[in-house]
Amino acid sequence: MSDAHLLNITIVGGGTAGWMTAAAFSHFLGPTARITLVESDAIGTIGVGEATIPQIRMFNQALGIDEDEFIRATQASFKLGIEFVGWLRPGSHYMHAFGDVGRNVGVCGFQHLWSRAERLGIAAPLGDYTLNDLAARMGKMHRGAPVIARTVPEMPHAFHFDAGLYAAFLRRYAEARGVTRIEGTITEVRRDHAGGDVTDLVLASGATLGGDLFVDCSGLAALLLGKTLGVGYEDWTHWLPCDRALAVPCEKVAEITPYTRSTAHDAGWQWRIPLQHRTGNGRVYCSQYISDDEAAASLLAHLDGKPLADPRPIRFTTGRRARAWSHNVVAVGLSSGFLEPLESTSIHLIQSAISRILKFLPAGRQSAVERDEYNRQVAFEMERIRDFIILHYWANERDEPFWRACRAMPLPDSLAERIELFRASGHIFRDGEELFSEVGWMQVLIGQGITPATSHIMAEAVSEAELKEYLATIAALYRREAEAYPSHEQFIARHCAAPAMALAE
């Protein structure tokens, strides 16, 4: 293809967002585009997105990346879900596990059967009917077809990985497919005076870099979309008041658990993400209720092992840009908005933005109607994830000032209506292409203490004896399946141990 017909794409910023974008564009656009990425080693990246959801597997598979090679390169471990400790009240815990929960009966969702059994006093905890939950709590791991019965569903998984190593892995992938990396700091952004499009980036070296489409992966700085184009920011701190985080790795001293742990504290929460070579930890908190020094002391006091660095501070405002695509600039990653990593959605939002850009990418100049539809879809996705995260904070029975304030806050109408529908009748309906499915909402609603007053007529018609037997059969079947799996560490050692871990075995 002649240079005149190439789409010239310039990516501003590296890190996970920049190199995921570069890798995907180089793979899918091939010879139709010239892709350049500019970044500076002097500018650090946040890199706290070490926990993912199962959709990351689709991204890697689409790029032809071998899963075990990726795991070894990024010191990854497997993730079957997220354990929430103390979120309802101190001492409480539940798992938001990937995959199915129980089994529906016709049009009757499993939550109707379970909630009726709960009212009758014959239900086990919801996690006992969830293969991923059982396997996670047993410290087990398996890929592929079930072991003991074909009627058991496959167990979906995601990963914990080192975000810096993942970016480096994708950089090698992208550069091998023609992406040009330029090291440099941007000192000026030039725009077309007539239409307002970005035309050139001026680097500290004096070099200029043009483009037809600019992808802003500059993180919270939002160099192009925010600072240059002046796109406004929609602040969501009245719903998600945490505004700071501290991140610190520590030595790996315990068994590598196949799940992320989120533990509620007096003014926020702490994450624990186990990798093969270390454990990632962080404290998310609201500075109105706790000082930075107090948060750091609490974080360090709750580590499994010796810290490997000083806690790294991150300040943020939850929310999103009013538009993710403006003129010829589209934001990917934190430059488009920030949602705290409670449900491991940061890397997924990068992935979905890349997929959406590729779907909308025209041969010529982008039209306003295409940008408007793109922005509508981004807003919808982020607002539904926002609602899901708010639910964790609002539905609590804790007695600290921070948690009382969260419980008292007015909810978005979209969330309030969903909660009331479930509380009244157990119904959950997925809204279009929102990220979290009915079973995800079910686990968090029930885990946060919200249970239905009534069930579907089909569930109410089942006799107590039949219901008890049905639930016991599912629980026993899934438990036997999980017990047949190897341990998480055994599975890694057999299939995908990074060199350091392989030597230790």
Protein backbone atom coordinates (compact mmCIF):
# COMPACT_ATOMS: atom_id res chain seq x y z
CA MET A 1 0.00 0.00 0.00
CA SER A 2 1.36 3.46 -0.88
CA ASP A 3 2.23 5.89 1.91
CA ALA A 4 -0.49 8.23 0.67
CA HIS A 5 -3.16 5.68 1.66
CA LEU A 6 -1.69 4.74 5.05
CA LEU A 7 -3.55 5.83 8.17
CA ASN A 8 -0.96 7.59 10.32
CA ILE A 9 -1.69 6.77 13.98
CA THR A 10 0.31 8.35 16.80
CA ILE A 11 -0.01 6.94 20.32
CA VAL A 12 0.98 9.27 23.16
CA GLY A 13 2.20 7.33 26.16
CA GLY A 14 3.33 3.76 26.76
CA GLY A 15 2.50 1.66 29.78
CA THR A 16 -0.25 -0.92 29.63
CA ALA A 17 -2.68 1.31 27.71
CA GLY A 18 -0.18 2.46 25.10
CA TRP A 19 1.35 -0.90 24.35
CA MET A 20 -1.96 -2.78 24.36
CA THR A 21 -3.15 -0.24 21.78
CA ALA A 22 0.00 -0.49 19.71
CA ALA A 23 -0.02 -4.31 19.78
CA ALA A 24 -3.67 -4.58 18.77
CA PHE A 25 -3.44 -1.96 16.04
CA SER A 26 -0.30 -3.54 14.59
CA HIS A 27 -2.03 -6.93 14.49
CA PHE A 28 -5.42 -5.92 13.12
CA LEU A 29 -4.53 -2.96 10.87
CA GLY A 30 -1.34 -4.46 9.48
CA PRO A 31 -0.16 -2.72 6.31
CA THR A 32 -3.07 -0.23 6.29
CA ALA A 33 -1.57 1.93 9.04
CA ARG A 34 1.69 3.47 10.16
CA ILE A 35 1.81 3.33 13.96
CA THR A 36 4.14 5.40 16.10
CA LEU A 37 4.28 5.45 19.89
CA VAL A 38 6.01 8.24 21.77
CA GLU A 39 6.87 7.86 25.44
CA SER A 40 9.45 9.02 27.93
CA ASP A 41 11.22 6.72 30.34
CA ALA A 42 11.40 9.70 32.69
CA ILE A 43 7.60 9.70 33.08
CA GLY A 44 6.39 6.85 35.24
CA THR A 45 3.14 4.92 34.85
CA ILE A 46 0.60 4.08 37.55
CA GLY A 47 0.70 0.37 36.78
CA VAL A 48 -1.61 -0.80 39.59
CA GLY A 49 -3.86 -2.75 37.21
CA GLU A 50 -2.36 -6.14 38.00
CA ALA A 51 -5.68 -7.97 38.39
CA THR A 52 -7.90 -8.70 35.40
CA ILE A 53 -11.21 -10.27 34.42
CA PRO A 54 -11.66 -13.16 31.94
CA GLN A 55 -12.05 -10.89 28.90
CA ILE A 56 -8.26 -10.37 28.90
CA ARG A 57 -7.96 -13.91 27.56
CA MET A 58 -9.91 -12.90 24.45
CA PHE A 59 -7.51 -10.00 23.87
CA ASN A 60 -4.44 -12.21 24.11
CA GLN A 61 -6.02 -14.95 22.00
CA ALA A 62 -7.03 -12.45 19.32
CA LEU A 63 -3.38 -11.39 19.06
CA GLY A 64 -2.26 -15.02 18.82
CA ILE A 65 -0.43 -14.89 22.15
CA ASP A 66 0.26 -18.23 23.78
CA GLU A 67 -1.22 -18.18 27.29
CA ASP A 68 1.57 -20.03 29.03
CA GLU A 69 4.23 -17.89 27.33
CA PHE A 70 2.39 -14.76 28.50
CA ILE A 71 2.12 -16.11 32.07
CA ARG A 72 5.83 -16.90 32.26
CA ALA A 73 6.80 -13.52 30.80
CA THR A 74 4.65 -11.53 33.23
CA GLN A 75 5.16 -13.65 36.39
CA ALA A 76 1.40 -14.17 36.35
CA SER A 77 -0.86 -16.30 38.49
CA PHE A 78 -4.45 -17.35 37.84
CA LYS A 79 -7.52 -15.54 39.12
CA LEU A 80 -10.91 -17.19 39.68
CA GLY A 81 -12.64 -14.27 41.35
CA ILE A 82 -12.42 -11.55 44.01
CA GLU A 83 -12.90 -12.17 47.72
CA PHE A 84 -14.54 -9.28 49.59
CA VAL A 85 -13.65 -9.27 53.28
CA GLY A 86 -15.45 -7.02 55.75
CA TRP A 87 -17.46 -5.11 53.17
CA LEU A 88 -20.88 -5.87 54.64
CA ARG A 89 -19.65 -5.78 58.22
CA PRO A 90 -16.38 -6.63 60.02
CA GLY A 91 -15.80 -10.38 59.77
CA SER A 92 -18.06 -10.90 56.76
CA HIS A 93 -16.75 -12.28 53.49
CA TYR A 94 -17.99 -13.45 50.11
CA MET A 95 -16.59 -14.14 46.66
CA HIS A 96 -17.49 -12.46 43.39
CA ALA A 97 -16.45 -15.47 41.35
CA PHE A 98 -16.26 -15.76 37.58
CA GLY A 99 -18.59 -18.13 35.77
CA ASP A 100 -22.01 -19.59 36.51
CA VAL A 101 -23.72 -19.67 39.88
CA GLY A 102 -25.90 -22.76 40.35
CA ARG A 103 -28.21 -23.61 37.48
CA ASN A 104 -31.27 -21.89 36.16
CA VAL A 105 -34.44 -23.92 35.71
CA GLY A 106 -36.00 -22.86 32.43
CA VAL A 107 -36.72 -19.15 32.63
CA CYS A 108 -36.30 -19.19 36.42
CA GLY A 109 -32.94 -17.79 37.44
CA PHE A 110 -30.95 -19.53 40.15
CA GLN A 111 -31.24 -16.53 42.47
CA HIS A 112 -34.96 -17.25 42.78
CA LEU A 113 -34.34 -20.84 43.86
CA TRP A 114 -31.58 -19.88 46.28
CA SER A 115 -33.48 -16.98 47.85
CA ARG A 116 -36.53 -19.16 48.48
CA ALA A 117 -34.29 -21.78 50.06
CA GLU A 118 -32.67 -19.06 52.16
CA ARG A 119 -36.05 -17.98 53.48
CA LEU A 120 -36.83 -21.63 54.29
CA GLY A 121 -33.50 -22.02 56.10
CA ILE A 122 -32.22 -24.80 53.83
CA ALA A 123 -29.74 -22.89 51.66
CA ALA A 124 -25.98 -23.16 51.93
CA PRO A 125 -23.92 -20.00 51.26
CA LEU A 126 -24.18 -18.91 47.64
CA GLY A 127 -20.54 -19.77 47.00
CA ASP A 128 -21.21 -23.47 47.61
CA TYR A 129 -23.08 -23.53 44.30
CA THR A 130 -20.29 -21.81 42.36
CA LEU A 131 -17.43 -23.85 40.89
CA ASN A 132 -15.00 -20.94 40.77
CA ASP A 133 -15.77 -19.99 44.35
CA LEU A 134 -15.20 -23.54 45.61
CA ALA A 135 -11.98 -23.97 43.63
CA ALA A 136 -10.67 -20.58 44.76
CA ARG A 137 -11.27 -21.34 48.43
CA MET A 138 -9.58 -24.74 48.03
CA GLY A 139 -6.60 -23.14 46.26
CA LYS A 140 -7.23 -25.20 43.09
CA MET A 141 -6.79 -24.52 39.37
CA HIS A 142 -7.88 -26.22 36.13
CA ARG A 143 -8.27 -25.31 32.46
CA GLY A 144 -10.53 -26.84 29.88
CA ALA A 145 -13.20 -29.52 30.03
CA PRO A 146 -14.52 -30.69 33.42
CA VAL A 147 -12.95 -33.73 35.05
CA ILE A 148 -15.76 -35.71 36.65
CA ALA A 149 -18.90 -34.93 34.61
CA ARG A 150 -19.72 -33.22 31.34
CA THR A 151 -22.64 -31.50 33.04
CA VAL A 152 -20.19 -29.35 35.03
CA PRO A 153 -19.43 -26.01 33.33
CA GLU A 154 -15.89 -25.05 32.37
CA MET A 155 -14.17 -22.85 34.92
CA PRO A 156 -13.37 -19.38 33.50
CA HIS A 157 -10.26 -17.60 34.69
CA ALA A 158 -8.32 -14.39 34.46
CA PHE A 159 -4.87 -13.40 35.71
CA HIS A 160 -2.82 -11.47 38.18
CA PHE A 161 0.27 -10.16 36.41
CA ASP A 162 3.02 -7.58 36.60
CA ALA A 163 1.67 -4.68 34.52
CA GLY A 164 5.17 -3.40 33.72
CA LEU A 165 6.23 -6.81 32.42
CA TYR A 166 3.03 -7.05 30.37
CA ALA A 167 3.73 -3.67 28.76
CA ALA A 168 7.28 -4.81 27.94
CA PHE A 169 5.94 -8.08 26.51
CA LEU A 170 3.50 -6.20 24.25
CA ARG A 171 6.18 -3.71 23.26
CA ARG A 172 8.28 -6.56 21.87
CA TYR A 173 5.20 -7.90 20.10
CA ALA A 174 4.30 -4.53 18.58
CA GLU A 175 7.80 -3.53 17.49
CA ALA A 176 8.19 -6.90 15.78
CA ARG A 177 5.12 -5.96 13.71
CA GLY A 178 6.36 -2.57 12.62
CA VAL A 179 5.42 -0.16 15.41
CA THR A 180 7.95 2.64 15.79
CA ARG A 181 8.77 3.78 19.32
CA ILE A 182 10.15 7.25 19.87
CA GLU A 183 11.70 8.20 23.18
CA GLY A 184 10.95 11.80 24.04
CA THR A 185 9.04 14.34 26.08
CA ILE A 186 6.29 16.36 24.40
CA THR A 187 6.78 20.09 24.92
CA GLU A 188 4.11 21.46 22.58
CA VAL A 189 0.95 20.26 20.87
CA ARG A 190 0.01 22.08 17.67
CA ARG A 191 -3.53 22.32 16.36
CA ASP A 192 -5.20 23.23 13.10
CA HIS A 193 -6.62 26.73 13.57
CA ALA A 194 -9.58 26.11 11.29
CA GLY A 195 -10.95 22.80 12.60
CA GLY A 196 -9.14 22.36 15.90
CA ASP A 197 -7.60 18.98 15.11
CA VAL A 198 -4.19 18.12 16.53
CA THR A 199 -1.62 18.35 13.76
CA ASP A 200 1.81 17.89 15.36
CA LEU A 201 3.58 17.03 18.58
CA VAL A 202 6.81 18.90 19.29
CA LEU A 203 9.37 16.96 21.31
CA ALA A 204 12.06 18.31 23.62
CA SER A 205 14.62 17.33 21.00
CA GLY A 206 12.97 19.73 18.53
CA ALA A 207 11.58 16.93 16.37
CA THR A 208 7.94 17.04 15.32
CA LEU A 209 5.56 14.13 15.02
CA GLY A 210 2.32 14.31 13.03
CA GLY A 211 -0.65 12.01 12.64
CA ASP A 212 -4.13 11.51 11.25
CA LEU A 213 -5.40 10.00 14.50
CA PHE A 214 -3.88 10.58 17.93
CA VAL A 215 -4.50 8.11 20.76
CA ASP A 216 -4.09 9.68 24.19
CA CYS A 217 -2.59 7.10 26.55
CA SER A 218 -0.98 9.70 28.79
CA GLY A 219 -2.81 8.53 31.92
CA LEU A 220 -4.37 10.89 34.43
CA ALA A 221 -2.50 13.81 32.80
CA ALA A 222 -4.75 13.49 29.70
CA LEU A 223 -2.24 15.57 27.78
CA LEU A 224 -4.17 15.70 24.51
CA LEU A 225 -7.83 15.22 25.41
CA GLY A 226 -7.84 17.23 28.63
CA LYS A 227 -5.00 19.75 28.57
CA THR A 228 -4.91 20.45 24.83
CA LEU A 229 -8.51 20.04 23.68
CA GLY A 230 -10.02 21.11 26.99
CA VAL A 231 -12.55 18.28 27.21
CA GLY A 232 -14.26 18.53 30.60
CA TYR A 233 -14.37 15.95 33.37
CA GLU A 234 -17.49 14.52 35.00
CA ASP A 235 -16.71 14.18 38.71
CA TRP A 236 -18.20 11.12 40.49
CA THR A 237 -16.67 11.63 43.95
CA HIS A 238 -20.12 12.24 45.46
CA TRP A 239 -20.73 8.51 44.74
CA LEU A 240 -17.18 7.17 44.94
CA PRO A 241 -15.45 9.36 47.54
CA CYS A 242 -12.08 7.59 47.72
CA ASP A 243 -9.51 9.93 46.19
CA ARG A 244 -6.11 8.45 46.99
CA ALA A 245 -4.24 5.18 46.82
CA LEU A 246 -0.93 3.79 47.99
CA ALA A 247 0.69 0.85 46.20
CA VAL A 248 3.51 -1.34 47.46
CA PRO A 249 4.84 -4.81 46.54
CA CYS A 250 5.94 -7.24 49.20
CA GLU A 251 7.83 -10.50 49.29
CA LYS A 252 5.99 -13.67 48.37
CA VAL A 253 5.78 -15.63 51.61
CA ALA A 254 2.49 -17.51 51.41
CA GLU A 255 0.75 -19.81 48.99
CA ILE A 256 -0.27 -18.14 45.73
CA THR A 257 -4.03 -17.91 46.10
CA PRO A 258 -6.03 -18.03 42.82
CA TYR A 259 -8.09 -14.97 43.66
CA THR A 260 -7.78 -11.29 44.44
CA ARG A 261 -8.60 -10.18 47.98
CA SER A 262 -10.25 -6.86 48.78
CA THR A 263 -10.42 -6.08 52.49
CA ALA A 264 -12.50 -3.19 53.79
CA HIS A 265 -10.89 -0.87 56.34
CA ASP A 266 -12.14 2.11 58.30
CA ALA A 267 -11.92 4.61 55.44
CA GLY A 268 -11.50 2.51 52.30
CA TRP A 269 -10.04 -0.85 51.39
CA GLN A 270 -6.86 -2.80 50.68
CA TRP A 271 -6.08 -5.05 47.74
CA ARG A 272 -3.91 -8.15 47.71
CA ILE A 273 -2.81 -9.55 44.35
CA PRO A 274 -0.48 -12.58 44.45
CA LEU A 275 1.98 -13.07 41.60
CA GLN A 276 4.61 -15.77 41.13
CA HIS A 277 7.48 -13.60 42.33
CA ARG A 278 5.83 -11.16 44.73
CA THR A 279 2.52 -9.91 46.07
CA GLY A 280 0.99 -6.63 44.96
CA ASN A 281 -0.73 -4.59 47.66
CA GLY A 282 -2.50 -1.27 47.79
CA ARG A 283 -4.66 0.88 49.99
CA VAL A 284 -7.51 2.92 48.47
CA TYR A 285 -8.90 5.56 50.82
CA CYS A 286 -10.73 8.84 51.28
CA SER A 287 -8.43 11.61 52.50
CA GLN A 288 -11.36 13.29 54.28
CA TYR A 289 -11.41 10.47 56.84
CA ILE A 290 -7.79 9.33 57.15
CA SER A 291 -4.39 10.96 56.69
CA ASP A 292 -1.79 9.81 54.21
CA ASP A 293 0.53 8.73 57.04
CA GLU A 294 -2.22 6.75 58.76
CA ALA A 295 -3.16 5.05 55.49
CA ALA A 296 0.47 4.14 54.80
CA ALA A 297 0.93 2.73 58.30
CA SER A 298 -2.23 0.66 57.97
CA LEU A 299 -1.16 -0.66 54.56
CA LEU A 300 2.28 -1.72 55.80
CA ALA A 301 0.79 -3.32 58.90
CA HIS A 302 -1.39 -5.60 56.79
CA LEU A 303 1.23 -7.01 54.40
CA ASP A 304 2.01 -10.72 54.16
CA GLY A 305 5.74 -10.16 53.89
CA LYS A 306 8.54 -7.62 53.85
CA PRO A 307 7.80 -4.58 51.65
CA LEU A 308 10.00 -4.35 48.57
CA ALA A 309 9.65 -0.57 48.17
CA ASP A 310 8.15 2.46 49.84
CA PRO A 311 4.39 2.93 49.32
CA ARG A 312 3.81 4.85 46.09
CA PRO A 313 1.11 7.56 46.36
CA ILE A 314 -1.54 8.04 43.67
CA ARG A 315 -4.10 10.85 43.73
CA PHE A 316 -7.21 10.62 41.57
CA THR A 317 -10.72 11.87 41.02
CA THR A 318 -13.24 9.21 40.12
CA GLY A 319 -15.22 10.05 36.98
CA ARG A 320 -14.84 10.27 33.24
CA ARG A 321 -14.11 12.73 30.47
CA ALA A 322 -17.24 14.29 28.99
CA ARG A 323 -16.11 12.87 25.66
CA ALA A 324 -13.56 10.10 25.10
CA TRP A 325 -13.17 11.04 21.40
CA SER A 326 -12.88 14.68 20.40
CA HIS A 327 -11.65 15.99 17.06
CA ASN A 328 -8.95 13.54 15.94
CA VAL A 329 -7.98 12.50 19.48
CA VAL A 330 -9.34 9.43 21.27
CA ALA A 331 -8.43 8.59 24.85
CA VAL A 332 -7.59 5.07 26.01
CA GLY A 333 -7.06 4.14 29.63
CA LEU A 334 -6.89 6.62 32.50
CA SER A 335 -6.91 9.61 30.16
CA SER A 336 -10.59 8.81 29.49
CA GLY A 337 -11.53 8.52 33.17
CA PHE A 338 -10.78 6.76 36.44
CA LEU A 339 -12.69 4.04 38.24
CA GLU A 340 -10.94 2.61 41.27
CA PRO A 341 -9.68 -0.96 40.79
CA LEU A 342 -12.23 -2.60 43.10
CA GLU A 343 -13.62 -4.91 40.40
CA SER A 344 -10.44 -5.09 38.27
CA THR A 345 -11.95 -3.17 35.37
CA SER A 346 -9.07 -0.84 34.46
CA ILE A 347 -7.38 -3.11 31.93
CA HIS A 348 -10.75 -4.24 30.59
CA LEU A 349 -11.67 -0.61 29.83
CA ILE A 350 -8.43 -0.30 27.84
CA GLN A 351 -9.31 -3.47 25.97
CA SER A 352 -12.89 -2.41 25.21
CA ALA A 353 -11.74 1.03 24.04
CA ILE A 354 -9.27 -0.56 21.62
CA SER A 355 -11.95 -2.89 20.26
CA ARG A 356 -14.40 -0.02 19.89
CA ILE A 357 -11.89 2.21 18.09
CA LEU A 358 -11.13 -0.57 15.61
CA LYS A 359 -14.85 -0.99 14.91
CA PHE A 360 -15.35 2.73 14.35
CA LEU A 361 -12.13 3.42 12.45
CA PRO A 362 -12.99 5.00 9.06
CA ALA A 363 -10.84 5.10 5.96
CA GLY A 364 -10.89 8.89 5.91
CA ARG A 365 -11.66 11.67 8.35
CA GLN A 366 -13.77 10.72 11.33
CA SER A 367 -17.32 12.08 11.23
CA ALA A 368 -19.10 13.78 14.11
CA VAL A 369 -21.85 11.15 14.16
CA GLU A 370 -19.29 8.36 14.56
CA ARG A 371 -17.60 10.16 17.43
CA ASP A 372 -20.96 10.81 19.10
CA GLU A 373 -21.92 7.14 18.99
CA TYR A 374 -18.50 6.11 20.23
CA ASN A 375 -18.79 8.53 23.14
CA ARG A 376 -22.31 7.31 23.96
CA GLN A 377 -21.09 3.73 24.18
CA VAL A 378 -18.11 4.66 26.37
CA ALA A 379 -20.35 6.66 28.72
CA PHE A 380 -22.82 3.79 29.03
CA GLU A 381 -20.10 1.25 29.80
CA MET A 382 -18.40 3.40 32.43
CA GLU A 383 -21.67 4.42 34.11
CA ARG A 384 -22.78 0.81 34.51
CA ILE A 385 -19.40 -0.18 35.98
CA ARG A 386 -19.65 2.87 38.24
CA ASP A 387 -23.03 1.66 39.52
CA PHE A 388 -21.63 -1.80 40.24
CA ILE A 389 -18.77 -0.33 42.29
CA ILE A 390 -21.10 2.05 44.17
CA LEU A 391 -23.19 -0.94 45.26
CA HIS A 392 -20.27 -2.31 47.29
CA TYR A 393 -19.94 0.96 49.23
CA TRP A 394 -23.61 1.82 49.73
CA ALA A 395 -24.90 -1.57 50.90
CA ASN A 396 -22.90 -1.86 54.12
CA GLU A 397 -23.60 -2.27 57.83
CA ARG A 398 -20.27 -0.93 59.11
CA ASP A 399 -20.22 1.75 61.81
CA GLU A 400 -17.22 3.95 60.89
CA PRO A 401 -17.93 7.56 59.76
CA PHE A 402 -16.76 6.86 56.20
CA TRP A 403 -19.05 3.87 55.80
CA ARG A 404 -22.01 5.62 57.40
CA ALA A 405 -21.56 8.44 54.87
CA CYS A 406 -21.46 5.92 52.01
CA ARG A 407 -24.67 4.32 53.27
CA ALA A 408 -26.40 7.70 53.40
CA MET A 409 -25.48 8.91 49.92
CA PRO A 410 -28.22 9.20 47.25
CA LEU A 411 -27.82 6.62 44.50
CA PRO A 412 -27.92 7.08 40.73
CA ASP A 413 -31.45 6.27 39.55
CA SER A 414 -30.12 3.42 37.40
CA LEU A 415 -28.67 1.69 40.47
CA ALA A 416 -31.52 2.47 42.87
CA GLU A 417 -34.04 0.94 40.48
CA ARG A 418 -31.94 -2.22 40.04
CA ILE A 419 -31.58 -2.69 43.81
CA GLU A 420 -35.29 -2.23 44.47
CA LEU A 421 -36.26 -4.65 41.71
CA PHE A 422 -34.00 -7.32 43.17
CA ARG A 423 -35.04 -6.63 46.75
CA ALA A 424 -38.72 -6.90 45.86
CA SER A 425 -38.75 -9.90 43.55
CA GLY A 426 -35.24 -11.26 42.88
CA HIS A 427 -35.24 -10.11 39.27
CA ILE A 428 -31.97 -9.08 37.61
CA PHE A 429 -31.86 -7.97 34.00
CA ARG A 430 -28.72 -7.18 32.06
CA ASP A 431 -28.93 -3.79 30.39
CA GLY A 432 -27.74 -4.13 26.79
CA GLU A 433 -24.02 -4.81 26.56
CA GLU A 434 -23.10 -3.75 30.09
CA LEU A 435 -20.03 -5.52 31.43
CA PHE A 436 -21.33 -7.33 34.50
CA SER A 437 -23.77 -10.18 34.00
CA GLU A 438 -26.76 -11.23 36.08
CA VAL A 439 -24.65 -13.67 38.12
CA GLY A 440 -22.13 -10.94 38.95
CA TRP A 441 -24.86 -8.64 40.22
CA MET A 442 -26.42 -11.56 42.12
CA GLN A 443 -23.23 -12.36 44.02
CA VAL A 444 -22.56 -8.78 45.07
CA LEU A 445 -26.18 -7.94 45.92
CA ILE A 446 -26.47 -11.02 48.14
CA GLY A 447 -22.94 -10.65 49.48
CA GLN A 448 -23.74 -7.09 50.54
CA GLY A 449 -26.81 -8.25 52.43
CA ILE A 450 -29.60 -7.55 49.93
CA THR A 451 -31.95 -10.52 49.53
CA PRO A 452 -35.28 -10.76 47.72
CA ALA A 453 -38.61 -10.70 49.56
CA THR A 454 -40.21 -13.11 47.07
CA SER A 455 -39.13 -15.43 44.25
CA HIS A 456 -40.30 -16.31 40.77
CA ILE A 457 -43.53 -18.31 40.69
CA MET A 458 -41.66 -21.35 39.37
CA ALA A 459 -39.35 -21.33 42.39
CA GLU A 460 -42.26 -20.93 44.79
CA ALA A 461 -43.99 -23.95 43.21
CA VAL A 462 -41.11 -26.34 43.95
CA SER A 463 -41.60 -28.37 47.13
CA GLU A 464 -39.18 -27.83 49.98
CA ALA A 465 -37.89 -31.40 49.72
CA GLU A 466 -37.27 -31.12 45.97
CA LEU A 467 -35.57 -27.78 46.38
CA LYS A 468 -33.30 -29.08 49.14
CA GLU A 469 -32.29 -32.09 47.04
CA TYR A 470 -31.69 -29.97 43.92
CA LEU A 471 -29.41 -27.56 45.74
CA ALA A 472 -27.53 -30.33 47.53
CA THR A 473 -26.91 -32.14 44.23
CA ILE A 474 -25.40 -29.03 42.62
CA ALA A 475 -23.22 -28.28 45.64
CA ALA A 476 -21.94 -31.87 45.86
CA LEU A 477 -21.25 -32.08 42.12
CA TYR A 478 -19.25 -28.84 42.05
CA ARG A 479 -17.35 -29.73 45.20
CA ARG A 480 -16.27 -33.10 43.81
CA GLU A 481 -15.17 -31.38 40.60
CA ALA A 482 -13.07 -28.79 42.45
CA GLU A 483 -11.51 -31.44 44.70
CA ALA A 484 -10.28 -33.29 41.58
CA TYR A 485 -8.16 -30.33 40.45
CA PRO A 486 -4.48 -29.84 41.29
CA SER A 487 -3.46 -27.02 43.57
CA HIS A 488 -2.91 -23.61 42.01
CA GLU A 489 0.84 -23.76 42.62
CA GLN A 490 1.07 -27.31 41.24
CA PHE A 491 -0.75 -26.21 38.10
CA ILE A 492 1.60 -23.28 37.56
CA ALA A 493 4.67 -25.45 38.19
CA ARG A 494 3.49 -28.00 35.60
CA HIS A 495 2.46 -25.60 32.84
CA CYS A 496 3.69 -22.03 33.10
CA ALA A 497 6.15 -21.31 35.89
CA ALA A 498 8.40 -18.34 35.31
CA PRO A 499 12.10 -19.31 35.39
CA ALA A 500 12.68 -18.24 39.00
CA MET A 501 9.73 -20.25 40.25
CA ALA A 502 10.61 -23.26 38.12
CA LEU A 503 14.03 -23.38 39.81
CA ALA A 504 12.42 -23.20 43.22
CA GLU A 505 10.20 -26.25 42.59
